Amino acid sequence: MDDTARAMRTWGFVAVGASVAALGTAVAFELLRSQSESRARQTDEQVAFKEAMDTMKTQQTIARVFAVSAGVLALTGGVLLVLSAERGESPSSDGVALACLPTSCNAVYRGHF
């Protein structure tokens, strides 16, 4: 595998990993938003209700940004992994294979001179 394919593969895995982290963060902010909404429904004071609603909307926006970021990172990582697989060297046809069955064993060697 050449250096470009190796770098693309590495960055592909980094992007996929970052997408998982971003998705987890989006879920966390969505849970926080849900709690803020419940708090807003339970309050009797108008000022506290508005503060809870503002907090809820902010958390909702942050959750959406992280969710979209997760999708973009996952797509980018997937594309990089596919491209790195296409650029990688094809497997060598040289090699040895050994296969055993209950009744016999076979060995095969293939190579170039």
N, C-alpha and C. Protein backbone atom coordinates (compact mmCIF):
# COMPACT_ATOMS: atom_id res chain seq x y z
N MET A 1 0.85 -1.17 0.00
CA MET A 1 0.00 0.00 0.00
C MET A 1 0.90 1.23 0.00
N ASP A 2 0.64 2.16 -0.92
CA ASP A 2 1.47 3.35 -0.99
C ASP A 2 1.11 4.34 0.11
N ASP A 3 1.92 5.39 0.25
CA ASP A 3 1.74 6.35 1.34
C ASP A 3 0.41 7.11 1.24
N THR A 4 -0.01 7.42 0.02
CA THR A 4 -1.27 8.15 -0.15
C THR A 4 -2.45 7.30 0.29
N ALA A 5 -2.46 6.04 -0.11
CA ALA A 5 -3.55 5.14 0.28
C ALA A 5 -3.54 4.92 1.79
N ARG A 6 -2.36 4.82 2.37
CA ARG A 6 -2.26 4.63 3.82
C ARG A 6 -2.78 5.86 4.56
N ALA A 7 -2.44 7.05 4.08
CA ALA A 7 -2.92 8.28 4.70
C ALA A 7 -4.44 8.41 4.55
N MET A 8 -4.95 8.07 3.38
CA MET A 8 -6.40 8.13 3.17
C MET A 8 -7.12 7.15 4.10
N ARG A 9 -6.55 5.99 4.27
CA ARG A 9 -7.15 4.99 5.15
C ARG A 9 -7.15 5.49 6.60
N THR A 10 -6.03 6.04 7.03
CA THR A 10 -5.92 6.56 8.39
C THR A 10 -6.93 7.67 8.63
N TRP A 11 -7.00 8.65 7.72
CA TRP A 11 -7.94 9.75 7.87
C TRP A 11 -9.38 9.28 7.75
N GLY A 12 -9.60 8.23 6.98
CA GLY A 12 -10.94 7.67 6.89
C GLY A 12 -11.40 7.12 8.23
N PHE A 13 -10.52 6.37 8.90
CA PHE A 13 -10.87 5.84 10.22
C PHE A 13 -11.01 6.96 11.26
N VAL A 14 -10.18 7.99 11.15
CA VAL A 14 -10.29 9.14 12.06
C VAL A 14 -11.65 9.82 11.88
N ALA A 15 -12.06 10.01 10.63
CA ALA A 15 -13.34 10.67 10.36
C ALA A 15 -14.52 9.83 10.85
N VAL A 16 -14.45 8.51 10.65
CA VAL A 16 -15.54 7.64 11.13
C VAL A 16 -15.59 7.67 12.67
N GLY A 17 -14.43 7.63 13.31
CA GLY A 17 -14.40 7.70 14.77
C GLY A 17 -14.94 9.03 15.28
N ALA A 18 -14.58 10.11 14.61
CA ALA A 18 -15.08 11.43 15.00
C ALA A 18 -16.59 11.52 14.80
N SER A 19 -17.10 10.84 13.79
CA SER A 19 -18.55 10.86 13.56
C SER A 19 -19.28 10.16 14.70
N VAL A 20 -18.70 9.09 15.22
CA VAL A 20 -19.31 8.39 16.35
C VAL A 20 -19.32 9.31 17.58
N ALA A 21 -18.23 10.01 17.80
CA ALA A 21 -18.16 10.95 18.94
C ALA A 21 -19.17 12.08 18.76
N ALA A 22 -19.30 12.60 17.55
CA ALA A 22 -20.25 13.68 17.29
C ALA A 22 -21.68 13.20 17.48
N LEU A 23 -21.96 11.99 17.07
CA LEU A 23 -23.31 11.44 17.25
C LEU A 23 -23.62 11.27 18.74
N GLY A 24 -22.65 10.79 19.49
CA GLY A 24 -22.84 10.67 20.93
C GLY A 24 -23.10 12.01 21.60
N THR A 25 -22.39 13.03 21.16
CA THR A 25 -22.59 14.37 21.70
C THR A 25 -23.98 14.90 21.34
N ALA A 26 -24.44 14.61 20.11
CA ALA A 26 -25.78 15.03 19.70
C ALA A 26 -26.84 14.38 20.58
N VAL A 27 -26.67 13.10 20.86
CA VAL A 27 -27.63 12.39 21.72
C VAL A 27 -27.62 13.00 23.13
N ALA A 28 -26.44 13.31 23.65
CA ALA A 28 -26.34 13.90 24.99
C ALA A 28 -27.06 15.24 25.05
N PHE A 29 -26.87 16.09 24.05
CA PHE A 29 -27.55 17.38 24.05
C PHE A 29 -29.05 17.24 23.85
N GLU A 30 -29.46 16.22 23.11
CA GLU A 30 -30.90 15.98 22.94
C GLU A 30 -31.53 15.55 24.26
N LEU A 31 -30.81 14.74 25.04
CA LEU A 31 -31.31 14.35 26.36
C LEU A 31 -31.39 15.56 27.29
N LEU A 32 -30.38 16.43 27.23
CA LEU A 32 -30.41 17.65 28.02
C LEU A 32 -31.58 18.54 27.61
N ARG A 33 -31.84 18.60 26.31
CA ARG A 33 -32.97 19.40 25.81
C ARG A 33 -34.29 18.86 26.34
N SER A 34 -34.42 17.57 26.37
CA SER A 34 -35.64 16.95 26.89
C SER A 34 -35.85 17.29 28.36
N GLN A 35 -34.77 17.27 29.13
CA GLN A 35 -34.88 17.63 30.54
C GLN A 35 -35.26 19.11 30.71
N SER A 36 -34.70 19.97 29.87
CA SER A 36 -35.04 21.39 29.94
C SER A 36 -36.50 21.62 29.58
N GLU A 37 -37.00 20.86 28.62
CA GLU A 37 -38.40 20.98 28.23
C GLU A 37 -39.31 20.56 29.40
N SER A 38 -38.96 19.47 30.06
CA SER A 38 -39.75 19.00 31.21
C SER A 38 -39.73 20.04 32.33
N ARG A 39 -38.55 20.63 32.55
CA ARG A 39 -38.43 21.66 33.58
C ARG A 39 -39.31 22.88 33.23
N ALA A 40 -39.35 23.23 31.94
CA ALA A 40 -40.17 24.37 31.52
C ALA A 40 -41.65 24.08 31.72
N ARG A 41 -42.07 22.87 31.46
CA ARG A 41 -43.49 22.50 31.63
C ARG A 41 -43.91 22.50 33.10
N GLN A 42 -42.97 22.24 34.00
CA GLN A 42 -43.30 22.13 35.41
C GLN A 42 -43.27 23.46 36.15
N THR A 43 -42.70 24.48 35.55
CA THR A 43 -42.57 25.75 36.26
C THR A 43 -43.85 26.58 36.15
N ASP A 44 -44.10 27.38 37.17
CA ASP A 44 -45.27 28.25 37.19
C ASP A 44 -44.89 29.70 36.90
N GLU A 45 -43.62 30.03 37.01
CA GLU A 45 -43.17 31.40 36.80
C GLU A 45 -42.84 31.64 35.33
N GLN A 46 -43.27 32.76 34.83
CA GLN A 46 -43.08 33.07 33.42
C GLN A 46 -41.60 33.28 33.08
N VAL A 47 -40.85 33.93 33.97
CA VAL A 47 -39.43 34.18 33.72
C VAL A 47 -38.66 32.87 33.69
N ALA A 48 -38.94 31.99 34.65
CA ALA A 48 -38.26 30.69 34.68
C ALA A 48 -38.63 29.85 33.47
N PHE A 49 -39.89 29.97 33.01
CA PHE A 49 -40.33 29.24 31.82
C PHE A 49 -39.54 29.70 30.60
N LYS A 50 -39.42 31.03 30.44
CA LYS A 50 -38.67 31.57 29.29
C LYS A 50 -37.21 31.15 29.33
N GLU A 51 -36.59 31.19 30.50
CA GLU A 51 -35.19 30.76 30.61
C GLU A 51 -35.03 29.29 30.26
N ALA A 52 -35.95 28.46 30.73
CA ALA A 52 -35.87 27.03 30.42
C ALA A 52 -36.10 26.79 28.92
N MET A 53 -37.01 27.55 28.32
CA MET A 53 -37.26 27.40 26.87
C MET A 53 -36.06 27.87 26.05
N ASP A 54 -35.43 28.95 26.47
CA ASP A 54 -34.23 29.43 25.77
C ASP A 54 -33.11 28.40 25.86
N THR A 55 -32.95 27.83 27.04
CA THR A 55 -31.94 26.78 27.21
C THR A 55 -32.26 25.58 26.33
N MET A 56 -33.53 25.22 26.28
CA MET A 56 -33.96 24.08 25.47
C MET A 56 -33.66 24.31 23.99
N LYS A 57 -33.97 25.50 23.50
CA LYS A 57 -33.74 25.79 22.08
C LYS A 57 -32.25 25.81 21.76
N THR A 58 -31.44 26.33 22.67
CA THR A 58 -29.99 26.31 22.46
C THR A 58 -29.47 24.88 22.40
N GLN A 59 -29.91 24.04 23.33
CA GLN A 59 -29.48 22.64 23.34
C GLN A 59 -29.97 21.90 22.10
N GLN A 60 -31.16 22.23 21.63
CA GLN A 60 -31.67 21.61 20.42
C GLN A 60 -30.82 21.98 19.20
N THR A 61 -30.45 23.24 19.12
CA THR A 61 -29.60 23.69 18.00
C THR A 61 -28.24 23.00 18.04
N ILE A 62 -27.65 22.92 19.22
CA ILE A 62 -26.35 22.25 19.35
C ILE A 62 -26.46 20.79 18.97
N ALA A 63 -27.54 20.11 19.40
CA ALA A 63 -27.74 18.70 19.06
C ALA A 63 -27.86 18.52 17.55
N ARG A 64 -28.57 19.41 16.89
CA ARG A 64 -28.72 19.31 15.43
C ARG A 64 -27.40 19.55 14.70
N VAL A 65 -26.62 20.50 15.19
CA VAL A 65 -25.31 20.76 14.56
C VAL A 65 -24.42 19.53 14.68
N PHE A 66 -24.39 18.92 15.86
CA PHE A 66 -23.56 17.73 16.04
C PHE A 66 -24.09 16.55 15.22
N ALA A 67 -25.40 16.42 15.07
CA ALA A 67 -25.96 15.33 14.28
C ALA A 67 -25.59 15.48 12.80
N VAL A 68 -25.70 16.69 12.28
CA VAL A 68 -25.32 16.93 10.89
C VAL A 68 -23.82 16.71 10.71
N SER A 69 -23.03 17.17 11.66
CA SER A 69 -21.58 16.97 11.61
C SER A 69 -21.24 15.48 11.61
N ALA A 70 -21.97 14.70 12.40
CA ALA A 70 -21.74 13.26 12.43
C ALA A 70 -21.99 12.64 11.07
N GLY A 71 -23.06 13.06 10.41
CA GLY A 71 -23.35 12.54 9.08
C GLY A 71 -22.29 12.90 8.06
N VAL A 72 -21.85 14.14 8.10
CA VAL A 72 -20.81 14.59 7.16
C VAL A 72 -19.50 13.85 7.40
N LEU A 73 -19.13 13.70 8.66
CA LEU A 73 -17.89 12.98 8.99
C LEU A 73 -17.97 11.50 8.59
N ALA A 74 -19.12 10.88 8.82
CA ALA A 74 -19.27 9.48 8.44
C ALA A 74 -19.18 9.31 6.93
N LEU A 75 -19.82 10.20 6.19
CA LEU A 75 -19.76 10.14 4.73
C LEU A 75 -18.33 10.35 4.23
N THR A 76 -17.67 11.35 4.78
CA THR A 76 -16.28 11.63 4.39
C THR A 76 -15.37 10.45 4.71
N GLY A 77 -15.52 9.90 5.90
CA GLY A 77 -14.71 8.74 6.28
C GLY A 77 -14.96 7.55 5.38
N GLY A 78 -16.22 7.31 5.06
CA GLY A 78 -16.55 6.19 4.16
C GLY A 78 -15.94 6.36 2.78
N VAL A 79 -16.03 7.57 2.25
CA VAL A 79 -15.44 7.84 0.93
C VAL A 79 -13.94 7.65 0.97
N LEU A 80 -13.28 8.15 2.01
CA LEU A 80 -11.82 7.98 2.11
C LEU A 80 -11.44 6.50 2.22
N LEU A 81 -12.21 5.73 2.97
CA LEU A 81 -11.90 4.30 3.10
C LEU A 81 -12.09 3.57 1.77
N VAL A 82 -13.14 3.90 1.04
CA VAL A 82 -13.36 3.26 -0.26
C VAL A 82 -12.25 3.65 -1.24
N LEU A 83 -11.90 4.93 -1.26
CA LEU A 83 -10.83 5.37 -2.17
C LEU A 83 -9.49 4.75 -1.81
N SER A 84 -9.21 4.60 -0.52
CA SER A 84 -7.94 3.99 -0.13
C SER A 84 -7.90 2.52 -0.50
N ALA A 85 -9.04 1.85 -0.44
CA ALA A 85 -9.09 0.44 -0.84
C ALA A 85 -8.86 0.28 -2.34
N GLU A 86 -9.37 1.24 -3.11
CA GLU A 86 -9.16 1.19 -4.56
C GLU A 86 -7.73 1.49 -4.95
N ARG A 87 -7.05 2.33 -4.16
CA ARG A 87 -5.66 2.69 -4.47
C ARG A 87 -4.66 1.66 -3.96
N GLY A 88 -5.09 0.84 -3.03
CA GLY A 88 -4.18 -0.14 -2.43
C GLY A 88 -3.71 -1.16 -3.46
N GLU A 89 -2.60 -1.78 -3.14
CA GLU A 89 -2.06 -2.79 -4.04
C GLU A 89 -2.95 -4.01 -4.06
N SER A 90 -3.01 -4.64 -5.21
CA SER A 90 -3.77 -5.88 -5.29
C SER A 90 -2.95 -6.97 -4.59
N PRO A 91 -3.63 -7.94 -4.01
CA PRO A 91 -2.88 -8.97 -3.32
C PRO A 91 -1.98 -9.75 -4.28
N SER A 92 -0.85 -10.13 -3.78
CA SER A 92 0.11 -10.87 -4.59
C SER A 92 -0.42 -12.26 -4.89
N SER A 93 -0.12 -12.73 -6.10
CA SER A 93 -0.56 -14.08 -6.45
C SER A 93 0.43 -15.13 -5.98
N ASP A 94 1.56 -14.71 -5.39
CA ASP A 94 2.52 -15.64 -4.83
C ASP A 94 2.06 -16.09 -3.46
N GLY A 95 2.30 -17.34 -3.14
CA GLY A 95 1.98 -17.77 -1.80
C GLY A 95 1.84 -19.26 -1.67
N VAL A 96 1.54 -19.66 -0.45
CA VAL A 96 1.37 -21.06 -0.10
C VAL A 96 0.01 -21.21 0.55
N ALA A 97 -0.68 -22.29 0.22
CA ALA A 97 -1.97 -22.58 0.84
C ALA A 97 -1.96 -24.03 1.31
N LEU A 98 -2.58 -24.26 2.44
CA LEU A 98 -2.68 -25.60 3.01
C LEU A 98 -4.12 -25.80 3.44
N ALA A 99 -4.72 -26.90 3.00
CA ALA A 99 -6.10 -27.20 3.37
C ALA A 99 -6.18 -28.65 3.80
N CYS A 100 -6.80 -28.87 4.93
CA CYS A 100 -6.97 -30.24 5.43
C CYS A 100 -8.44 -30.56 5.61
N LEU A 101 -8.81 -31.72 5.15
CA LEU A 101 -10.14 -32.27 5.33
C LEU A 101 -10.00 -33.51 6.21
N PRO A 102 -11.07 -34.09 6.64
CA PRO A 102 -10.95 -35.29 7.48
C PRO A 102 -10.21 -36.45 6.80
N THR A 103 -10.28 -36.52 5.48
CA THR A 103 -9.67 -37.66 4.80
C THR A 103 -8.32 -37.35 4.16
N SER A 104 -7.98 -36.08 3.94
CA SER A 104 -6.71 -35.77 3.28
C SER A 104 -6.31 -34.32 3.52
N CYS A 105 -5.02 -34.02 3.22
CA CYS A 105 -4.51 -32.66 3.28
C CYS A 105 -3.88 -32.34 1.92
N ASN A 106 -4.02 -31.09 1.51
CA ASN A 106 -3.44 -30.64 0.25
C ASN A 106 -2.66 -29.36 0.49
N ALA A 107 -1.55 -29.23 -0.24
CA ALA A 107 -0.75 -28.01 -0.18
C ALA A 107 -0.53 -27.50 -1.59
N VAL A 108 -0.54 -26.19 -1.75
CA VAL A 108 -0.36 -25.57 -3.07
C VAL A 108 0.63 -24.43 -2.91
N TYR A 109 1.58 -24.34 -3.83
CA TYR A 109 2.50 -23.22 -3.87
C TYR A 109 2.38 -22.58 -5.23
N ARG A 110 2.34 -21.25 -5.24
CA ARG A 110 2.28 -20.52 -6.50
C ARG A 110 3.25 -19.36 -6.41
N GLY A 111 4.09 -19.19 -7.43
CA GLY A 111 5.05 -18.11 -7.40
C GLY A 111 5.58 -17.79 -8.77
N HIS A 112 6.42 -16.78 -8.85
CA HIS A 112 7.05 -16.34 -10.10
C HIS A 112 8.55 -16.59 -10.03
N PHE A 113 9.13 -16.87 -11.18
CA PHE A 113 10.57 -17.03 -11.27
C PHE A 113 11.19 -15.79 -11.83
